[in-house]
């Protein structure tokens, strides 16, 4: 009997994982990009990974929908700006919730959107 694939994580789970990656703009982002690529690959979503010259950073293009047109492209970034000092909830590298709101590095700009886009893409395909 074939193995049952692991269930697709929830959007909240995806967001928590994205926030946990250290993606300060001066650092490599490949760990995050490779994780997302593997997540999408496991669900059969077409991907194209385009590394920079050093191989430490990359862009990831993913496509879901009809081949040759008629699809939608969602674009986002996962780097965050460096922060000097401070300990507020938006500076944390783990997802926290307070008064019904989610906080963490990049939740508003723009890891929250990226998590929603991944979750929506997979739900549309019946995978989440």
N, C-alpha and C. Protein backbone atom coordinates (compact mmCIF):
# COMPACT_ATOMS: atom_id res chain seq x y z
N UNK A 1 0.84 -1.17 0.00
CA UNK A 1 0.00 0.00 0.00
C UNK A 1 0.89 1.24 0.00
N UNK A 2 0.59 2.24 -0.88
CA UNK A 2 1.42 3.45 -0.93
C UNK A 2 1.32 4.24 0.37
N UNK A 3 2.40 4.94 0.68
CA UNK A 3 2.43 5.77 1.88
C UNK A 3 1.48 6.95 1.72
N UNK A 4 0.81 7.30 2.79
CA UNK A 4 -0.08 8.46 2.79
C UNK A 4 0.78 9.72 2.94
N UNK A 5 0.61 10.71 2.04
CA UNK A 5 1.41 11.93 2.18
C UNK A 5 1.09 12.66 3.47
N UNK A 6 2.08 13.36 3.98
CA UNK A 6 1.88 14.17 5.18
C UNK A 6 0.86 15.25 4.88
N UNK A 7 0.01 15.59 5.85
CA UNK A 7 -0.97 16.64 5.61
C UNK A 7 -0.28 17.99 5.41
N UNK A 8 -0.90 18.81 4.60
CA UNK A 8 -0.39 20.16 4.36
C UNK A 8 -0.52 20.95 5.65
N UNK A 9 0.54 21.65 6.05
CA UNK A 9 0.42 22.47 7.26
C UNK A 9 -0.59 23.59 7.06
N UNK A 10 -1.15 24.07 8.15
CA UNK A 10 -2.07 25.19 8.09
C UNK A 10 -1.30 26.47 7.73
N UNK A 11 -2.03 27.50 7.34
CA UNK A 11 -1.40 28.79 7.05
C UNK A 11 -0.66 29.29 8.28
N UNK A 12 -1.24 29.12 9.44
CA UNK A 12 -0.57 29.54 10.68
C UNK A 12 0.74 28.77 10.89
N UNK A 13 0.72 27.46 10.62
CA UNK A 13 1.95 26.65 10.73
C UNK A 13 3.01 27.14 9.74
N UNK A 14 2.58 27.43 8.52
CA UNK A 14 3.51 27.92 7.50
C UNK A 14 4.10 29.25 7.95
N UNK A 15 3.26 30.16 8.44
CA UNK A 15 3.74 31.46 8.91
C UNK A 15 4.74 31.29 10.05
N UNK A 16 4.44 30.43 11.00
CA UNK A 16 5.35 30.21 12.13
C UNK A 16 6.72 29.73 11.63
N UNK A 17 6.70 28.86 10.64
CA UNK A 17 7.97 28.34 10.11
C UNK A 17 8.72 29.43 9.35
N UNK A 18 8.01 30.22 8.54
CA UNK A 18 8.66 31.30 7.80
C UNK A 18 9.32 32.31 8.74
N UNK A 19 8.63 32.65 9.82
CA UNK A 19 9.17 33.61 10.78
C UNK A 19 10.42 33.06 11.46
N UNK A 20 10.47 31.76 11.67
CA UNK A 20 11.60 31.14 12.36
C UNK A 20 12.90 31.23 11.55
N UNK A 21 12.81 31.37 10.24
CA UNK A 21 14.02 31.51 9.42
C UNK A 21 14.61 32.90 9.59
N UNK A 22 15.92 32.97 9.79
CA UNK A 22 16.63 34.26 9.88
C UNK A 22 16.86 34.75 8.46
N UNK A 23 16.02 35.66 8.02
CA UNK A 23 16.13 36.16 6.65
C UNK A 23 16.39 37.66 6.62
N UNK A 24 17.20 38.15 7.57
CA UNK A 24 17.63 39.54 7.51
C UNK A 24 18.25 39.75 6.13
N UNK A 25 17.95 40.86 5.51
CA UNK A 25 18.29 41.09 4.10
C UNK A 25 19.76 40.88 3.77
N UNK A 26 20.66 41.03 4.72
CA UNK A 26 22.08 40.84 4.44
C UNK A 26 22.50 39.37 4.53
N UNK A 27 21.60 38.48 4.97
CA UNK A 27 21.92 37.06 5.15
C UNK A 27 21.38 36.22 3.99
N UNK A 28 21.93 35.02 3.81
CA UNK A 28 21.36 34.10 2.81
C UNK A 28 19.92 33.74 3.15
N UNK A 29 19.14 33.44 2.12
CA UNK A 29 17.75 33.04 2.33
C UNK A 29 17.47 31.62 1.86
N UNK A 30 18.51 30.89 1.46
CA UNK A 30 18.30 29.58 0.84
C UNK A 30 17.59 28.58 1.73
N UNK A 31 17.82 28.61 3.04
CA UNK A 31 17.13 27.65 3.91
C UNK A 31 15.62 27.82 3.80
N UNK A 32 15.14 29.05 3.84
CA UNK A 32 13.71 29.31 3.71
C UNK A 32 13.23 28.92 2.31
N UNK A 33 13.92 29.36 1.29
CA UNK A 33 13.50 29.09 -0.09
C UNK A 33 13.47 27.59 -0.36
N UNK A 34 14.49 26.88 0.10
CA UNK A 34 14.53 25.43 -0.10
C UNK A 34 13.39 24.73 0.64
N UNK A 35 13.05 25.22 1.85
CA UNK A 35 11.94 24.63 2.60
C UNK A 35 10.62 24.82 1.86
N UNK A 36 10.38 26.03 1.36
CA UNK A 36 9.14 26.30 0.62
C UNK A 36 9.10 25.47 -0.66
N UNK A 37 10.23 25.39 -1.36
CA UNK A 37 10.27 24.59 -2.60
C UNK A 37 9.94 23.13 -2.32
N UNK A 38 10.48 22.59 -1.23
CA UNK A 38 10.19 21.19 -0.88
C UNK A 38 8.72 21.01 -0.51
N UNK A 39 8.16 21.97 0.21
CA UNK A 39 6.75 21.91 0.58
C UNK A 39 5.88 21.89 -0.67
N UNK A 40 6.17 22.76 -1.61
CA UNK A 40 5.39 22.83 -2.84
C UNK A 40 5.62 21.60 -3.72
N UNK A 41 6.86 21.13 -3.76
CA UNK A 41 7.16 19.93 -4.56
C UNK A 41 6.36 18.74 -4.07
N UNK A 42 6.27 18.60 -2.75
CA UNK A 42 5.52 17.50 -2.17
C UNK A 42 4.06 17.52 -2.56
N UNK A 43 3.56 18.68 -2.96
CA UNK A 43 2.18 18.81 -3.38
C UNK A 43 2.03 18.93 -4.89
N UNK A 44 3.11 18.69 -5.61
CA UNK A 44 3.05 18.65 -7.07
C UNK A 44 2.94 20.01 -7.74
N UNK A 45 3.34 21.06 -7.07
CA UNK A 45 3.27 22.40 -7.65
C UNK A 45 4.57 22.69 -8.38
N UNK A 46 4.48 23.15 -9.63
CA UNK A 46 5.66 23.47 -10.43
C UNK A 46 6.46 24.59 -9.79
N UNK A 47 7.78 24.43 -9.76
CA UNK A 47 8.66 25.42 -9.15
C UNK A 47 9.87 25.65 -10.02
N UNK A 48 10.43 26.85 -9.91
CA UNK A 48 11.70 27.18 -10.55
C UNK A 48 12.51 27.96 -9.52
N UNK A 49 13.68 27.43 -9.17
CA UNK A 49 14.57 28.07 -8.22
C UNK A 49 15.67 28.77 -9.00
N UNK A 50 15.86 30.06 -8.75
CA UNK A 50 16.86 30.85 -9.46
C UNK A 50 17.85 31.42 -8.43
N UNK A 51 19.01 30.76 -8.26
CA UNK A 51 19.98 31.24 -7.27
C UNK A 51 20.77 32.43 -7.79
N UNK A 52 21.30 33.21 -6.83
CA UNK A 52 22.21 34.28 -7.22
C UNK A 52 23.59 33.67 -7.50
N UNK A 53 24.55 34.50 -7.87
CA UNK A 53 25.88 34.00 -8.25
C UNK A 53 26.56 33.25 -7.11
N UNK A 54 26.31 33.66 -5.86
CA UNK A 54 26.95 33.01 -4.72
C UNK A 54 26.25 31.71 -4.33
N UNK A 55 24.99 31.55 -4.72
CA UNK A 55 24.21 30.38 -4.33
C UNK A 55 23.59 30.53 -2.95
N UNK A 56 23.90 31.62 -2.24
CA UNK A 56 23.38 31.82 -0.89
C UNK A 56 21.97 32.38 -0.84
N UNK A 57 21.58 33.06 -1.90
CA UNK A 57 20.23 33.63 -1.99
C UNK A 57 19.59 33.12 -3.28
N UNK A 58 18.27 33.08 -3.26
CA UNK A 58 17.57 32.61 -4.46
C UNK A 58 16.16 33.19 -4.50
N UNK A 59 15.62 33.24 -5.70
CA UNK A 59 14.21 33.54 -5.92
C UNK A 59 13.53 32.21 -6.23
N UNK A 60 12.29 32.10 -5.85
CA UNK A 60 11.51 30.90 -6.12
C UNK A 60 10.25 31.31 -6.86
N UNK A 61 10.05 30.72 -8.01
CA UNK A 61 8.84 30.93 -8.79
C UNK A 61 8.03 29.64 -8.70
N UNK A 62 6.75 29.76 -8.41
CA UNK A 62 5.87 28.59 -8.33
C UNK A 62 4.64 28.86 -9.16
N UNK A 63 4.16 27.83 -9.85
CA UNK A 63 3.00 27.98 -10.72
C UNK A 63 1.97 26.92 -10.42
N UNK A 64 0.74 27.37 -10.34
CA UNK A 64 -0.39 26.47 -10.16
C UNK A 64 -1.51 27.00 -11.02
N UNK A 65 -2.04 26.16 -11.84
CA UNK A 65 -3.11 26.60 -12.73
C UNK A 65 -2.87 26.06 -14.12
N UNK A 66 -3.65 26.52 -15.06
CA UNK A 66 -3.52 25.99 -16.43
C UNK A 66 -2.19 26.37 -17.06
N UNK A 67 -1.61 25.44 -17.79
CA UNK A 67 -0.37 25.72 -18.51
C UNK A 67 -0.65 26.66 -19.67
N UNK A 68 0.25 27.59 -19.91
CA UNK A 68 0.13 28.46 -21.07
C UNK A 68 -0.76 29.67 -20.88
N UNK A 69 -1.13 30.00 -19.71
CA UNK A 69 -1.93 31.20 -19.50
C UNK A 69 -3.18 30.92 -18.70
N UNK A 70 -3.76 31.99 -18.20
CA UNK A 70 -4.99 31.86 -17.44
C UNK A 70 -4.78 31.70 -15.95
N UNK A 71 -3.53 31.65 -15.52
CA UNK A 71 -3.24 31.53 -14.09
C UNK A 71 -3.05 32.89 -13.45
N UNK A 72 -2.68 32.87 -12.21
CA UNK A 72 -2.43 34.09 -11.45
C UNK A 72 -1.05 34.00 -10.85
N UNK A 73 -0.31 35.11 -10.88
CA UNK A 73 0.99 35.14 -10.24
C UNK A 73 0.90 36.00 -8.99
N UNK A 74 1.35 35.44 -7.88
CA UNK A 74 1.45 36.18 -6.63
C UNK A 74 2.93 36.36 -6.35
N UNK A 75 3.33 37.55 -5.99
CA UNK A 75 4.74 37.84 -5.79
C UNK A 75 4.96 38.42 -4.41
N UNK A 76 6.02 37.97 -3.76
CA UNK A 76 6.32 38.48 -2.43
C UNK A 76 7.80 38.32 -2.14
N UNK A 77 8.21 38.84 -1.01
CA UNK A 77 9.60 38.68 -0.57
C UNK A 77 9.59 38.17 0.86
N UNK A 78 10.68 37.58 1.27
CA UNK A 78 10.74 37.00 2.62
C UNK A 78 11.88 37.58 3.45
N UNK A 79 12.60 38.56 2.92
CA UNK A 79 13.65 39.15 3.73
C UNK A 79 13.06 40.18 4.69
N UNK A 80 13.76 40.40 5.78
CA UNK A 80 13.35 41.39 6.78
C UNK A 80 14.51 42.35 6.99
N UNK A 81 14.19 43.55 7.44
CA UNK A 81 15.23 44.56 7.66
C UNK A 81 15.93 44.30 9.00
N UNK A 82 17.20 44.67 9.08
CA UNK A 82 17.91 44.52 10.36
C UNK A 82 17.27 45.39 11.44
N UNK A 83 17.32 44.94 12.67
CA UNK A 83 16.76 45.69 13.80
C UNK A 83 17.86 45.86 14.83
N UNK A 84 18.04 47.08 15.27
CA UNK A 84 19.00 47.38 16.33
C UNK A 84 18.26 47.56 17.64
N UNK A 85 18.50 46.69 18.60
CA UNK A 85 17.88 46.82 19.90
C UNK A 85 16.41 46.51 19.89
N UNK A 86 15.78 46.68 21.01
CA UNK A 86 14.34 46.47 21.12
C UNK A 86 13.99 45.01 21.32
N UNK A 87 12.85 44.79 21.94
CA UNK A 87 12.40 43.42 22.20
C UNK A 87 10.91 43.26 21.93
N UNK A 88 10.31 44.19 21.22
CA UNK A 88 8.87 44.12 20.95
C UNK A 88 8.48 42.85 20.22
N UNK A 89 7.18 42.51 20.24
CA UNK A 89 6.75 41.26 19.63
C UNK A 89 7.03 41.16 18.14
N UNK A 90 7.07 42.27 17.42
CA UNK A 90 7.34 42.22 15.98
C UNK A 90 8.81 41.94 15.69
N UNK A 91 9.67 41.96 16.71
CA UNK A 91 11.10 41.71 16.51
C UNK A 91 11.47 40.26 16.81
N UNK A 92 10.52 39.45 17.19
CA UNK A 92 10.79 38.07 17.59
C UNK A 92 10.83 37.15 16.38
N UNK A 93 11.66 36.13 16.48
CA UNK A 93 11.76 35.16 15.39
C UNK A 93 10.90 33.93 15.66
N UNK A 94 9.85 34.12 16.44
CA UNK A 94 8.85 33.07 16.61
C UNK A 94 7.48 33.73 16.63
N UNK A 95 6.52 33.01 16.15
CA UNK A 95 5.16 33.53 16.06
C UNK A 95 4.53 33.58 17.45
N UNK A 96 3.96 34.72 17.78
CA UNK A 96 3.23 34.85 19.04
C UNK A 96 1.86 35.46 18.74
N UNK A 97 0.93 35.25 19.65
CA UNK A 97 -0.41 35.81 19.49
C UNK A 97 -0.75 36.62 20.73
N UNK A 98 -1.33 37.78 20.52
CA UNK A 98 -1.80 38.63 21.61
C UNK A 98 -3.06 39.34 21.15
N UNK A 99 -4.12 39.24 21.92
CA UNK A 99 -5.39 39.89 21.63
C UNK A 99 -5.89 39.59 20.22
N UNK A 100 -5.73 38.33 19.81
CA UNK A 100 -6.23 37.90 18.51
C UNK A 100 -5.37 38.29 17.32
N UNK A 101 -4.19 38.84 17.58
CA UNK A 101 -3.28 39.24 16.49
C UNK A 101 -2.01 38.41 16.55
N UNK A 102 -1.45 38.14 15.38
CA UNK A 102 -0.21 37.38 15.28
C UNK A 102 0.96 38.33 15.10
N UNK A 103 2.04 38.04 15.83
CA UNK A 103 3.23 38.89 15.79
C UNK A 103 4.46 38.05 15.53
N UNK A 104 5.45 38.67 14.88
CA UNK A 104 6.74 38.05 14.62
C UNK A 104 7.42 38.79 13.49
N UNK A 105 8.73 38.55 13.31
CA UNK A 105 9.49 39.22 12.25
C UNK A 105 8.89 38.93 10.89
N UNK A 106 8.43 39.96 10.22
CA UNK A 106 7.94 39.83 8.86
C UNK A 106 6.47 39.49 8.72
N UNK A 107 5.71 39.45 9.81
CA UNK A 107 4.30 39.06 9.67
C UNK A 107 3.52 40.01 8.78
N UNK A 108 3.78 41.31 8.88
CA UNK A 108 3.06 42.29 8.06
C UNK A 108 3.74 42.52 6.72
N UNK A 109 5.04 42.43 6.67
CA UNK A 109 5.81 42.68 5.44
C UNK A 109 6.92 41.65 5.35
N UNK A 110 6.69 40.60 4.72
CA UNK A 110 5.48 40.18 4.05
C UNK A 110 5.34 38.68 4.11
N UNK A 111 5.91 38.11 5.19
CA UNK A 111 5.81 36.66 5.37
C UNK A 111 4.37 36.22 5.59
N UNK A 112 3.53 37.09 6.16
CA UNK A 112 2.12 36.75 6.32
C UNK A 112 1.44 36.52 4.99
N UNK A 113 1.70 37.39 4.04
CA UNK A 113 1.13 37.22 2.70
C UNK A 113 1.66 35.95 2.04
N UNK A 114 2.95 35.71 2.14
CA UNK A 114 3.55 34.53 1.52
C UNK A 114 2.92 33.26 2.08
N UNK A 115 2.72 33.21 3.41
CA UNK A 115 2.09 32.04 4.02
C UNK A 115 0.66 31.86 3.49
N UNK A 116 -0.08 32.96 3.38
CA UNK A 116 -1.45 32.90 2.84
C UNK A 116 -1.45 32.43 1.39
N UNK A 117 -0.52 32.92 0.59
CA UNK A 117 -0.45 32.53 -0.82
C UNK A 117 -0.14 31.04 -0.96
N UNK A 118 0.81 30.54 -0.17
CA UNK A 118 1.14 29.11 -0.20
C UNK A 118 -0.08 28.29 0.21
N UNK A 119 -0.71 28.68 1.30
CA UNK A 119 -1.88 27.96 1.77
C UNK A 119 -3.02 27.97 0.77
N UNK A 120 -3.26 29.11 0.16
CA UNK A 120 -4.35 29.23 -0.82
C UNK A 120 -4.06 28.40 -2.07
N UNK A 121 -2.84 28.45 -2.53
CA UNK A 121 -2.45 27.68 -3.71
C UNK A 121 -2.69 26.19 -3.47
N UNK A 122 -2.29 25.72 -2.32
CA UNK A 122 -2.45 24.30 -2.01
C UNK A 122 -3.92 23.94 -1.79
N UNK A 123 -4.71 24.80 -1.16
CA UNK A 123 -6.13 24.53 -0.97
C UNK A 123 -6.85 24.46 -2.32
N UNK A 124 -6.47 25.32 -3.22
CA UNK A 124 -7.11 25.34 -4.54
C UNK A 124 -6.91 24.01 -5.25
N UNK A 125 -5.77 23.41 -5.00
CA UNK A 125 -5.47 22.12 -5.61
C UNK A 125 -6.05 20.97 -4.79
N UNK A 126 -6.74 21.31 -3.70
CA UNK A 126 -7.34 20.28 -2.86
C UNK A 126 -6.33 19.64 -1.93
N UNK A 127 -5.25 20.35 -1.62
CA UNK A 127 -4.18 19.74 -0.83
C UNK A 127 -4.15 20.22 0.60
N UNK A 128 -4.91 21.23 0.95
CA UNK A 128 -4.89 21.72 2.33
C UNK A 128 -6.31 21.96 2.81
